[in-house]
């Protein structure tokens, strides 16, 4: 799929011609795509979508096609994390119900970046999983077996949510900035699961 940018004002007054949608740029791109697909013995369908905002056009088309994954290349104008953030914002701006799908950003010289669009279980750092588990162990000594990891994490999130709307907001932002700088060289844990209390304490 290629997105052909169009002007915002008055765009809907006239239909775009085939020449306006399918330019030399799309012809060159699709020729390479077809050639690669033929070498792999894979079928491919080509699509040009007009759009004022390329990110909106991408997610809206993926949603209409009920795609399970949207794959895009890297951008020369922004890093992959910012590209993922902007595509995610476009997904969030769609009306409910929003069709969920994942995003893959590919690059020839580094591993792909995978992002789940919309609410999803976070990929936690190993030390944060240990921290949540340690707090649960400590608190469950006083509160008993009815306390679960989700209760500890849920309370912490609600406290943070409240603090962000208080005079302490700037301090939280400063702490998060320091967190990002300190962990920029690390990779997330491959699991988002917080350790379970024990085999019978919490239902699946």
N, C-alpha and C. Protein backbone atom coordinates (compact mmCIF):
# COMPACT_ATOMS: atom_id res chain seq x y z
N UNK A 1 0.83 -1.19 0.00
CA UNK A 1 0.00 0.00 0.00
C UNK A 1 0.87 1.24 0.00
N UNK A 2 0.51 2.20 -0.82
CA UNK A 2 1.18 3.50 -0.84
C UNK A 2 0.14 4.58 -0.58
N UNK A 3 0.53 5.61 0.15
CA UNK A 3 -0.37 6.73 0.43
C UNK A 3 0.03 7.89 -0.46
N UNK A 4 -0.91 8.37 -1.24
CA UNK A 4 -0.68 9.53 -2.10
C UNK A 4 -1.24 10.76 -1.40
N UNK A 5 -0.36 11.65 -0.99
CA UNK A 5 -0.78 12.84 -0.26
C UNK A 5 -1.59 13.78 -1.13
N UNK A 6 -2.67 14.31 -0.55
CA UNK A 6 -3.52 15.27 -1.24
C UNK A 6 -3.73 16.47 -0.32
N UNK A 7 -4.10 17.61 -0.89
CA UNK A 7 -4.33 18.81 -0.10
C UNK A 7 -5.56 18.67 0.77
N UNK A 8 -5.57 19.39 1.89
CA UNK A 8 -6.67 19.29 2.84
C UNK A 8 -7.91 20.05 2.42
N UNK A 9 -7.77 21.29 1.96
CA UNK A 9 -8.93 22.14 1.66
C UNK A 9 -9.48 21.82 0.28
N UNK A 10 -10.75 21.51 0.23
CA UNK A 10 -11.40 21.26 -1.05
C UNK A 10 -11.04 19.94 -1.69
N UNK A 11 -10.44 19.03 -0.92
CA UNK A 11 -10.00 17.77 -1.48
C UNK A 11 -11.15 16.94 -2.02
N UNK A 12 -12.29 16.98 -1.36
CA UNK A 12 -13.40 16.12 -1.75
C UNK A 12 -14.24 16.66 -2.89
N UNK A 13 -13.88 17.82 -3.45
CA UNK A 13 -14.72 18.40 -4.49
C UNK A 13 -14.63 17.65 -5.80
N UNK A 14 -13.45 17.07 -6.10
CA UNK A 14 -13.26 16.37 -7.37
C UNK A 14 -12.52 15.07 -7.10
N UNK A 15 -12.90 14.01 -7.82
CA UNK A 15 -12.20 12.74 -7.72
C UNK A 15 -10.82 12.88 -8.36
N UNK A 16 -9.85 12.21 -7.77
CA UNK A 16 -8.50 12.22 -8.32
C UNK A 16 -8.43 11.28 -9.52
N UNK A 17 -7.68 11.68 -10.53
CA UNK A 17 -7.52 10.83 -11.70
C UNK A 17 -6.50 9.73 -11.41
N UNK A 18 -6.49 8.72 -12.27
CA UNK A 18 -5.54 7.62 -12.09
C UNK A 18 -4.10 8.12 -12.16
N UNK A 19 -3.85 9.09 -13.04
CA UNK A 19 -2.50 9.63 -13.18
C UNK A 19 -2.06 10.37 -11.92
N UNK A 20 -3.03 10.99 -11.23
CA UNK A 20 -2.69 11.69 -10.00
C UNK A 20 -2.39 10.73 -8.86
N UNK A 21 -3.06 9.57 -8.87
CA UNK A 21 -2.85 8.59 -7.82
C UNK A 21 -1.64 7.71 -8.09
N UNK A 22 -1.51 7.26 -9.33
CA UNK A 22 -0.47 6.29 -9.67
C UNK A 22 0.61 7.00 -10.48
N UNK A 23 1.57 7.56 -9.78
CA UNK A 23 2.65 8.30 -10.41
C UNK A 23 3.86 7.40 -10.64
N UNK A 24 4.92 7.98 -11.17
CA UNK A 24 6.15 7.21 -11.40
C UNK A 24 6.69 6.63 -10.10
N UNK A 25 6.49 7.34 -9.00
CA UNK A 25 6.97 6.86 -7.71
C UNK A 25 6.27 5.57 -7.31
N UNK A 26 4.94 5.53 -7.45
CA UNK A 26 4.20 4.32 -7.13
C UNK A 26 4.55 3.20 -8.12
N UNK A 27 4.74 3.56 -9.39
CA UNK A 27 5.07 2.56 -10.40
C UNK A 27 6.40 1.87 -10.08
N UNK A 28 7.38 2.67 -9.66
CA UNK A 28 8.68 2.10 -9.31
C UNK A 28 8.59 1.24 -8.06
N UNK A 29 7.86 1.74 -7.05
CA UNK A 29 7.72 0.99 -5.81
C UNK A 29 7.01 -0.33 -6.03
N UNK A 30 5.88 -0.30 -6.73
CA UNK A 30 5.10 -1.52 -6.91
C UNK A 30 5.81 -2.52 -7.81
N UNK A 31 6.61 -2.04 -8.76
CA UNK A 31 7.37 -2.95 -9.61
C UNK A 31 8.36 -3.75 -8.77
N UNK A 32 8.99 -3.09 -7.82
CA UNK A 32 9.93 -3.77 -6.93
C UNK A 32 9.20 -4.75 -6.02
N UNK A 33 8.02 -4.35 -5.54
CA UNK A 33 7.24 -5.23 -4.67
C UNK A 33 6.83 -6.50 -5.41
N UNK A 34 6.33 -6.35 -6.65
CA UNK A 34 5.89 -7.50 -7.44
C UNK A 34 7.07 -8.42 -7.73
N UNK A 35 8.22 -7.83 -8.05
CA UNK A 35 9.41 -8.63 -8.34
C UNK A 35 9.83 -9.45 -7.12
N UNK A 36 9.81 -8.83 -5.94
CA UNK A 36 10.19 -9.54 -4.71
C UNK A 36 9.19 -10.64 -4.38
N UNK A 37 7.90 -10.34 -4.58
CA UNK A 37 6.86 -11.32 -4.29
C UNK A 37 6.97 -12.53 -5.22
N UNK A 38 7.26 -12.29 -6.49
CA UNK A 38 7.39 -13.39 -7.45
C UNK A 38 8.57 -14.29 -7.10
N UNK A 39 9.66 -13.69 -6.65
CA UNK A 39 10.84 -14.48 -6.26
C UNK A 39 10.54 -15.37 -5.06
N UNK A 40 9.65 -14.90 -4.18
CA UNK A 40 9.29 -15.67 -2.99
C UNK A 40 8.09 -16.59 -3.24
N UNK A 41 7.48 -16.47 -4.42
CA UNK A 41 6.31 -17.28 -4.73
C UNK A 41 5.09 -16.89 -3.92
N UNK A 42 4.99 -15.60 -3.59
CA UNK A 42 3.90 -15.11 -2.75
C UNK A 42 2.97 -14.20 -3.56
N UNK A 43 1.65 -14.27 -3.29
CA UNK A 43 0.73 -13.34 -3.95
C UNK A 43 0.81 -11.98 -3.30
N UNK A 44 0.50 -10.93 -4.03
CA UNK A 44 0.53 -9.58 -3.49
C UNK A 44 -0.57 -8.76 -4.15
N UNK A 45 -1.23 -7.92 -3.38
CA UNK A 45 -2.24 -7.01 -3.89
C UNK A 45 -1.75 -5.58 -3.66
N UNK A 46 -1.85 -4.76 -4.67
CA UNK A 46 -1.32 -3.40 -4.63
C UNK A 46 -2.45 -2.40 -4.44
N UNK A 47 -2.17 -1.36 -3.66
CA UNK A 47 -3.22 -0.40 -3.32
C UNK A 47 -2.60 0.98 -3.14
N UNK A 48 -3.22 1.98 -3.77
CA UNK A 48 -2.85 3.38 -3.57
C UNK A 48 -4.01 4.07 -2.88
N UNK A 49 -3.73 4.73 -1.76
CA UNK A 49 -4.77 5.38 -0.97
C UNK A 49 -4.49 6.87 -0.90
N UNK A 50 -5.42 7.72 -1.33
CA UNK A 50 -5.23 9.16 -1.17
C UNK A 50 -5.50 9.56 0.28
N UNK A 51 -4.75 10.51 0.78
CA UNK A 51 -4.96 10.93 2.16
C UNK A 51 -4.30 12.26 2.47
N UNK A 52 -4.93 13.04 3.32
CA UNK A 52 -4.34 14.29 3.79
C UNK A 52 -3.24 13.99 4.80
N UNK A 53 -3.48 13.01 5.68
CA UNK A 53 -2.53 12.59 6.68
C UNK A 53 -2.16 11.14 6.41
N UNK A 54 -0.89 10.88 6.15
CA UNK A 54 -0.46 9.53 5.78
C UNK A 54 -0.71 8.52 6.89
N UNK A 55 -0.51 8.93 8.14
CA UNK A 55 -0.71 8.01 9.27
C UNK A 55 -2.19 7.64 9.40
N UNK A 56 -3.07 8.63 9.25
CA UNK A 56 -4.51 8.35 9.31
C UNK A 56 -4.91 7.39 8.19
N UNK A 57 -4.39 7.64 6.99
CA UNK A 57 -4.73 6.79 5.85
C UNK A 57 -4.28 5.35 6.06
N UNK A 58 -3.12 5.18 6.66
CA UNK A 58 -2.60 3.84 6.92
C UNK A 58 -3.48 3.05 7.88
N UNK A 59 -3.80 3.65 9.02
CA UNK A 59 -4.56 2.91 10.04
C UNK A 59 -6.02 2.73 9.62
N UNK A 60 -6.59 3.71 8.94
CA UNK A 60 -7.97 3.58 8.49
C UNK A 60 -8.11 2.47 7.45
N UNK A 61 -7.13 2.39 6.55
CA UNK A 61 -7.16 1.33 5.54
C UNK A 61 -6.97 -0.03 6.17
N UNK A 62 -6.03 -0.14 7.11
CA UNK A 62 -5.81 -1.41 7.81
C UNK A 62 -7.06 -1.84 8.55
N UNK A 63 -7.75 -0.88 9.17
CA UNK A 63 -8.97 -1.20 9.90
C UNK A 63 -10.08 -1.67 8.96
N UNK A 64 -10.23 -1.00 7.83
CA UNK A 64 -11.28 -1.39 6.88
C UNK A 64 -11.03 -2.77 6.30
N UNK A 65 -9.75 -3.12 6.12
CA UNK A 65 -9.40 -4.43 5.58
C UNK A 65 -9.38 -5.51 6.66
N UNK A 66 -9.62 -5.11 7.93
CA UNK A 66 -9.58 -6.03 9.06
C UNK A 66 -8.23 -6.74 9.15
N UNK A 67 -7.18 -5.98 8.92
CA UNK A 67 -5.83 -6.54 8.95
C UNK A 67 -5.45 -6.88 10.39
N UNK A 68 -4.59 -7.87 10.54
CA UNK A 68 -4.09 -8.21 11.87
C UNK A 68 -2.73 -7.57 12.13
N UNK A 69 -2.06 -7.11 11.06
CA UNK A 69 -0.77 -6.45 11.24
C UNK A 69 -0.55 -5.42 10.13
N UNK A 70 -0.07 -4.26 10.53
CA UNK A 70 0.31 -3.21 9.60
C UNK A 70 1.84 -3.14 9.60
N UNK A 71 2.44 -3.32 8.43
CA UNK A 71 3.90 -3.32 8.31
C UNK A 71 4.32 -2.09 7.51
N UNK A 72 5.29 -1.35 8.03
CA UNK A 72 5.78 -0.18 7.34
C UNK A 72 7.29 -0.09 7.48
N UNK A 73 7.93 0.60 6.56
CA UNK A 73 9.36 0.81 6.65
C UNK A 73 9.68 1.99 7.55
N UNK A 74 10.96 2.22 7.77
CA UNK A 74 11.39 3.34 8.60
C UNK A 74 11.19 4.66 7.85
N UNK A 75 11.21 5.74 8.60
CA UNK A 75 11.06 7.07 8.03
C UNK A 75 12.40 7.80 8.05
N UNK A 76 12.66 8.56 6.98
CA UNK A 76 13.88 9.36 6.93
C UNK A 76 13.75 10.62 7.78
N UNK A 77 12.52 10.96 8.18
CA UNK A 77 12.29 12.22 8.91
C UNK A 77 12.16 12.04 10.41
N UNK A 78 12.06 10.79 10.90
CA UNK A 78 11.89 10.58 12.34
C UNK A 78 12.37 9.18 12.69
N UNK A 79 12.70 8.97 13.98
CA UNK A 79 13.12 7.63 14.39
C UNK A 79 11.92 6.71 14.51
N UNK A 80 12.19 5.43 14.65
CA UNK A 80 11.13 4.43 14.63
C UNK A 80 10.16 4.59 15.79
N UNK A 81 10.68 4.99 16.96
CA UNK A 81 9.80 5.17 18.13
C UNK A 81 8.80 6.28 17.89
N UNK A 82 9.25 7.39 17.29
CA UNK A 82 8.34 8.49 17.00
C UNK A 82 7.35 8.10 15.91
N UNK A 83 7.81 7.35 14.92
CA UNK A 83 6.91 6.86 13.87
C UNK A 83 5.81 6.00 14.47
N UNK A 84 6.18 5.09 15.37
CA UNK A 84 5.20 4.23 16.03
C UNK A 84 4.22 5.07 16.86
N UNK A 85 4.74 6.09 17.53
CA UNK A 85 3.88 6.94 18.36
C UNK A 85 2.84 7.66 17.51
N UNK A 86 3.25 8.19 16.36
CA UNK A 86 2.32 8.94 15.50
C UNK A 86 1.27 8.02 14.88
N UNK A 87 1.68 6.83 14.48
CA UNK A 87 0.70 5.88 13.94
C UNK A 87 -0.27 5.47 15.03
N UNK A 88 0.25 5.29 16.25
CA UNK A 88 -0.62 4.96 17.38
C UNK A 88 -1.62 6.05 17.68
N UNK A 89 -1.18 7.31 17.58
CA UNK A 89 -2.09 8.43 17.82
C UNK A 89 -3.20 8.46 16.77
N UNK A 90 -2.86 8.12 15.53
CA UNK A 90 -3.88 8.06 14.48
C UNK A 90 -4.88 6.96 14.77
N UNK A 91 -4.39 5.83 15.27
CA UNK A 91 -5.31 4.74 15.62
C UNK A 91 -6.23 5.17 16.75
N UNK A 92 -5.69 5.86 17.75
CA UNK A 92 -6.50 6.31 18.88
C UNK A 92 -7.57 7.32 18.45
N UNK A 93 -7.32 8.05 17.37
CA UNK A 93 -8.27 9.08 16.92
C UNK A 93 -9.44 8.50 16.13
N UNK A 94 -9.37 7.23 15.76
CA UNK A 94 -10.48 6.62 15.02
C UNK A 94 -11.69 6.43 15.93
N UNK A 95 -12.89 6.48 15.37
CA UNK A 95 -14.09 6.28 16.20
C UNK A 95 -14.19 4.85 16.70
N UNK A 96 -14.84 4.70 17.84
CA UNK A 96 -15.11 3.38 18.39
C UNK A 96 -16.22 2.69 17.59
N UNK A 97 -16.21 1.36 17.49
CA UNK A 97 -15.17 0.46 17.99
C UNK A 97 -13.97 0.44 17.04
N UNK A 98 -12.76 0.49 17.59
CA UNK A 98 -11.55 0.48 16.78
C UNK A 98 -11.06 -0.95 16.57
N UNK A 99 -10.77 -1.29 15.33
CA UNK A 99 -10.26 -2.63 15.02
C UNK A 99 -8.82 -2.75 15.51
N UNK A 100 -8.52 -3.71 16.40
CA UNK A 100 -7.16 -3.84 16.92
C UNK A 100 -6.24 -4.57 15.94
N UNK A 101 -5.02 -4.12 15.85
CA UNK A 101 -4.01 -4.82 15.07
C UNK A 101 -2.64 -4.37 15.56
N UNK A 102 -1.62 -5.10 15.17
CA UNK A 102 -0.27 -4.77 15.59
C UNK A 102 0.46 -4.01 14.49
N UNK A 103 1.51 -3.32 14.88
CA UNK A 103 2.32 -2.53 13.96
C UNK A 103 3.73 -3.09 13.95
N UNK A 104 4.28 -3.30 12.76
CA UNK A 104 5.67 -3.74 12.63
C UNK A 104 6.42 -2.71 11.78
N UNK A 105 7.50 -2.18 12.31
CA UNK A 105 8.34 -1.25 11.57
C UNK A 105 9.62 -1.98 11.21
N UNK A 106 9.86 -2.13 9.91
CA UNK A 106 11.00 -2.93 9.45
C UNK A 106 12.12 -2.04 8.95
N UNK A 107 13.34 -2.54 9.09
CA UNK A 107 14.53 -1.84 8.63
C UNK A 107 15.52 -2.89 8.13
N UNK A 108 16.22 -2.62 7.03
CA UNK A 108 17.15 -3.63 6.50
C UNK A 108 18.37 -3.87 7.38
N UNK A 109 18.69 -2.93 8.28
CA UNK A 109 19.94 -3.05 9.05
C UNK A 109 19.74 -3.28 10.54
N UNK A 110 18.49 -3.48 10.98
CA UNK A 110 18.27 -3.76 12.41
C UNK A 110 16.95 -4.51 12.58
N UNK A 111 16.76 -5.17 13.74
CA UNK A 111 15.53 -5.96 13.94
C UNK A 111 14.28 -5.11 13.87
N UNK A 112 13.17 -5.74 13.52
CA UNK A 112 11.89 -5.05 13.44
C UNK A 112 11.45 -4.59 14.83
N UNK A 113 10.65 -3.52 14.84
CA UNK A 113 10.02 -3.04 16.06
C UNK A 113 8.54 -3.41 15.98
N UNK A 114 8.04 -4.07 17.03
CA UNK A 114 6.64 -4.48 17.07
C UNK A 114 5.90 -3.67 18.13
N UNK A 115 4.72 -3.17 17.76
CA UNK A 115 3.91 -2.37 18.67
C UNK A 115 2.46 -2.83 18.58
N UNK A 116 1.82 -3.05 19.73
CA UNK A 116 0.39 -3.31 19.75
C UNK A 116 -0.35 -1.99 19.87
N UNK A 117 -1.24 -1.71 18.95
CA UNK A 117 -1.98 -0.46 18.96
C UNK A 117 -3.15 -0.57 19.92
N UNK A 118 -3.27 0.41 20.80
CA UNK A 118 -4.35 0.40 21.78
C UNK A 118 -3.91 -0.22 23.09
N UNK A 119 -4.83 -0.35 24.05
CA UNK A 119 -4.49 -0.94 25.35
C UNK A 119 -3.97 -2.37 25.19
N UNK A 120 -2.90 -2.69 25.91
CA UNK A 120 -2.31 -4.02 25.86
C UNK A 120 -1.43 -4.22 27.09
N UNK A 121 -1.17 -5.47 27.46
CA UNK A 121 -0.29 -5.73 28.61
C UNK A 121 1.10 -5.16 28.34
N UNK A 122 1.68 -4.43 29.28
CA UNK A 122 2.99 -3.84 29.05
C UNK A 122 4.10 -4.86 29.15
N UNK A 123 5.19 -4.60 28.44
CA UNK A 123 6.40 -5.42 28.57
C UNK A 123 7.24 -4.77 29.67
N UNK A 124 7.29 -5.41 30.82
CA UNK A 124 7.93 -4.81 31.98
C UNK A 124 9.41 -5.17 32.05
N UNK A 125 10.17 -4.27 32.67
CA UNK A 125 11.57 -4.56 32.95
C UNK A 125 11.64 -5.65 34.02
N UNK A 126 12.62 -6.56 33.95
CA UNK A 126 12.73 -7.63 34.94
C UNK A 126 12.78 -7.12 36.38
N UNK A 127 13.52 -6.02 36.60
CA UNK A 127 13.61 -5.50 37.97
C UNK A 127 12.29 -4.92 38.46
N UNK A 128 11.44 -4.44 37.54
CA UNK A 128 10.14 -3.93 37.95
C UNK A 128 9.18 -5.07 38.29
N UNK A 129 9.33 -6.19 37.58
CA UNK A 129 8.55 -7.38 37.94
C UNK A 129 8.94 -7.84 39.33
N UNK A 130 10.25 -7.84 39.60
CA UNK A 130 10.73 -8.24 40.93
C UNK A 130 10.25 -7.25 42.00
N UNK A 131 10.23 -5.96 41.66
CA UNK A 131 9.77 -4.95 42.61
C UNK A 131 8.31 -5.16 42.97
N UNK A 132 7.47 -5.38 41.95
CA UNK A 132 6.05 -5.62 42.20
C UNK A 132 5.85 -6.88 43.03
N UNK A 133 6.63 -7.91 42.73
CA UNK A 133 6.52 -9.16 43.48
C UNK A 133 6.97 -8.97 44.92
N UNK A 134 8.05 -8.22 45.11
CA UNK A 134 8.55 -7.97 46.47
C UNK A 134 7.54 -7.18 47.30
N UNK A 135 6.91 -6.18 46.69
CA UNK A 135 5.91 -5.40 47.42
C UNK A 135 4.70 -6.27 47.77
N UNK A 136 4.31 -7.14 46.83
CA UNK A 136 3.20 -8.05 47.11
C UNK A 136 3.53 -8.97 48.28
N UNK A 137 4.76 -9.51 48.29
CA UNK A 137 5.17 -10.39 49.39
C UNK A 137 5.08 -9.66 50.73
N UNK A 138 5.59 -8.42 50.75
CA UNK A 138 5.58 -7.65 51.99
C UNK A 138 4.17 -7.33 52.45
N UNK A 139 3.34 -6.85 51.52
CA UNK A 139 1.99 -6.43 51.89
C UNK A 139 1.07 -7.60 52.21
N UNK A 140 1.30 -8.74 51.54
CA UNK A 140 0.43 -9.89 51.78
C UNK A 140 0.63 -10.46 53.18
N UNK A 141 1.76 -10.17 53.81
CA UNK A 141 1.97 -10.60 55.19
C UNK A 141 0.97 -9.92 56.12
N UNK A 142 0.57 -8.71 55.75
CA UNK A 142 -0.37 -7.95 56.59
C UNK A 142 -1.81 -8.06 56.11
N UNK A 143 -1.98 -8.18 54.78
CA UNK A 143 -3.34 -8.14 54.23
C UNK A 143 -3.88 -9.52 53.87
N UNK A 144 -3.03 -10.53 53.84
CA UNK A 144 -3.50 -11.88 53.62
C UNK A 144 -3.54 -12.32 52.17
N UNK A 145 -4.11 -13.50 51.96
CA UNK A 145 -4.07 -14.16 50.65
C UNK A 145 -4.98 -13.53 49.61
N UNK A 146 -5.90 -12.65 50.02
CA UNK A 146 -6.80 -12.02 49.05
C UNK A 146 -6.10 -10.93 48.24
N UNK A 147 -4.91 -10.50 48.67
CA UNK A 147 -4.16 -9.48 47.94
C UNK A 147 -3.43 -10.13 46.77
N UNK A 148 -3.56 -9.53 45.58
CA UNK A 148 -2.90 -10.04 44.37
C UNK A 148 -1.95 -8.99 43.80
N UNK A 149 -1.10 -9.45 42.92
CA UNK A 149 -0.17 -8.53 42.26
C UNK A 149 -0.92 -7.40 41.56
N UNK A 150 -2.04 -7.73 40.93
CA UNK A 150 -2.80 -6.70 40.19
C UNK A 150 -3.30 -5.60 41.12
N UNK A 151 -3.56 -5.93 42.39
CA UNK A 151 -4.02 -4.93 43.34
C UNK A 151 -2.91 -3.92 43.64
N UNK A 152 -1.69 -4.44 43.80
CA UNK A 152 -0.54 -3.58 44.08
C UNK A 152 -0.25 -2.67 42.88
N UNK A 153 -0.22 -3.26 41.69
CA UNK A 153 0.06 -2.48 40.48
C UNK A 153 -1.06 -1.49 40.20
N UNK A 154 -2.30 -1.92 40.39
CA UNK A 154 -3.45 -1.03 40.14
C UNK A 154 -3.44 0.18 41.05
N UNK A 155 -3.14 -0.03 42.34
CA UNK A 155 -3.07 1.09 43.26
C UNK A 155 -1.96 2.06 42.89
N UNK A 156 -0.80 1.50 42.49
CA UNK A 156 0.33 2.35 42.10
C UNK A 156 -0.03 3.20 40.88
N UNK A 157 -0.73 2.61 39.92
CA UNK A 157 -1.12 3.35 38.73
C UNK A 157 -2.11 4.46 39.06
N UNK A 158 -3.07 4.16 39.92
CA UNK A 158 -4.05 5.19 40.29
C UNK A 158 -3.39 6.32 41.07
N UNK A 159 -2.41 5.98 41.93
CA UNK A 159 -1.68 7.02 42.65
C UNK A 159 -0.91 7.91 41.67
N UNK A 160 -0.26 7.29 40.68
CA UNK A 160 0.48 8.06 39.67
C UNK A 160 -0.47 8.94 38.87
N UNK A 161 -1.61 8.38 38.48
CA UNK A 161 -2.61 9.15 37.73
C UNK A 161 -3.05 10.37 38.51
N UNK A 162 -3.26 10.22 39.80
CA UNK A 162 -3.67 11.34 40.64
C UNK A 162 -2.56 12.37 40.79
N UNK A 163 -1.33 11.89 40.94
CA UNK A 163 -0.19 12.79 41.12
C UNK A 163 0.06 13.63 39.87
N UNK A 164 -0.20 13.07 38.70
CA UNK A 164 -0.01 13.81 37.46
C UNK A 164 -0.95 15.01 37.35
N UNK A 165 -1.99 15.02 38.13
CA UNK A 165 -2.95 16.12 38.14
C UNK A 165 -2.80 16.97 39.39
N UNK A 166 -1.63 16.94 39.97
CA UNK A 166 -1.33 17.70 41.18
C UNK A 166 -0.09 18.57 40.94
N UNK A 167 0.29 19.42 41.91
CA UNK A 167 1.50 20.23 41.76
C UNK A 167 2.79 19.40 41.61
N UNK A 168 2.70 18.09 41.87
CA UNK A 168 3.87 17.22 41.76
C UNK A 168 4.12 16.75 40.33
N UNK A 169 3.30 17.21 39.36
CA UNK A 169 3.40 16.72 37.98
C UNK A 169 4.80 16.89 37.40
N UNK A 170 5.39 18.07 37.57
CA UNK A 170 6.70 18.33 36.98
C UNK A 170 7.77 17.42 37.56
N UNK A 171 7.65 17.08 38.83
CA UNK A 171 8.61 16.15 39.44
C UNK A 171 8.47 14.76 38.82
N UNK A 172 7.24 14.34 38.58
CA UNK A 172 7.02 13.04 37.94
C UNK A 172 7.62 13.03 36.54
N UNK A 173 7.40 14.11 35.78
CA UNK A 173 7.96 14.20 34.43
C UNK A 173 9.48 14.17 34.46
N UNK A 174 10.07 14.85 35.44
CA UNK A 174 11.53 14.84 35.57
C UNK A 174 12.04 13.44 35.90
N UNK A 175 11.33 12.74 36.79
CA UNK A 175 11.72 11.37 37.13
C UNK A 175 11.61 10.45 35.92
N UNK A 176 10.56 10.61 35.12
CA UNK A 176 10.39 9.78 33.93
C UNK A 176 11.46 10.07 32.89
N UNK A 177 11.84 11.34 32.75
CA UNK A 177 12.91 11.70 31.83
C UNK A 177 14.21 11.03 32.24
N UNK A 178 14.50 11.05 33.55
CA UNK A 178 15.70 10.39 34.06
C UNK A 178 15.62 8.88 33.84
N UNK A 179 14.42 8.33 34.00
CA UNK A 179 14.22 6.89 33.78
C UNK A 179 14.52 6.53 32.33
N UNK A 180 14.03 7.33 31.39
CA UNK A 180 14.25 7.07 29.97
C UNK A 180 15.73 7.16 29.62
N UNK A 181 16.41 8.14 30.17
CA UNK A 181 17.83 8.31 29.89
C UNK A 181 18.65 7.16 30.46
N UNK A 182 18.25 6.67 31.62
CA UNK A 182 19.00 5.60 32.26
C UNK A 182 18.77 4.24 31.64
N UNK A 183 17.63 4.07 30.95
CA UNK A 183 17.29 2.76 30.41
C UNK A 183 17.29 2.72 28.89
N UNK A 184 17.79 3.77 28.25
CA UNK A 184 17.73 3.85 26.79
C UNK A 184 18.54 2.76 26.11
N UNK A 185 19.55 2.21 26.81
CA UNK A 185 20.41 1.19 26.21
C UNK A 185 19.93 -0.23 26.48
N UNK A 186 18.83 -0.36 27.24
CA UNK A 186 18.38 -1.68 27.63
C UNK A 186 17.25 -2.18 26.75
N UNK A 187 17.02 -3.48 26.78
CA UNK A 187 15.94 -4.09 26.04
C UNK A 187 14.85 -4.54 27.02
N UNK A 188 13.56 -4.37 26.64
CA UNK A 188 12.48 -4.81 27.53
C UNK A 188 12.49 -6.31 27.75
N UNK A 189 11.91 -6.72 28.85
CA UNK A 189 11.77 -8.15 29.13
C UNK A 189 10.87 -8.77 28.07
N UNK A 190 11.17 -10.01 27.63
CA UNK A 190 10.32 -10.66 26.62
C UNK A 190 8.95 -11.03 27.14
N UNK A 191 8.71 -10.87 28.43
CA UNK A 191 7.39 -11.20 28.97
C UNK A 191 6.80 -10.02 29.71
N UNK A 192 5.49 -9.93 29.68
CA UNK A 192 4.82 -8.87 30.42
C UNK A 192 4.18 -9.42 31.68
N UNK A 193 4.41 -10.70 31.95
CA UNK A 193 3.72 -11.35 33.05
C UNK A 193 4.37 -11.01 34.39
N UNK A 194 3.55 -10.65 35.36
CA UNK A 194 4.02 -10.48 36.73
C UNK A 194 3.90 -11.83 37.43
N UNK A 195 4.90 -12.24 38.20
CA UNK A 195 4.84 -13.56 38.85
C UNK A 195 3.54 -13.75 39.63
N UNK A 196 2.97 -14.92 39.53
CA UNK A 196 1.75 -15.23 40.25
C UNK A 196 2.09 -15.56 41.70
N UNK A 197 1.14 -15.33 42.60
CA UNK A 197 1.36 -15.54 44.01
C UNK A 197 1.73 -17.00 44.28
N UNK A 198 0.90 -17.90 43.83
CA UNK A 198 1.19 -19.32 43.87
C UNK A 198 0.18 -20.00 42.97
N UNK A 199 0.28 -21.29 42.82
CA UNK A 199 -0.54 -21.99 41.82
C UNK A 199 -2.03 -21.89 42.10
N UNK A 200 -2.42 -21.70 43.35
CA UNK A 200 -3.85 -21.73 43.66
C UNK A 200 -4.40 -20.40 44.17
N UNK A 201 -3.53 -19.42 44.39
CA UNK A 201 -3.99 -18.19 45.03
C UNK A 201 -4.81 -17.31 44.11
N UNK A 202 -4.47 -17.28 42.81
CA UNK A 202 -5.16 -16.37 41.91
C UNK A 202 -5.64 -17.13 40.69
N UNK A 203 -6.91 -17.05 40.34
CA UNK A 203 -7.42 -17.77 39.17
C UNK A 203 -6.85 -17.20 37.90
N UNK A 204 -6.75 -18.03 36.88
CA UNK A 204 -6.21 -17.60 35.59
C UNK A 204 -7.18 -16.65 34.92
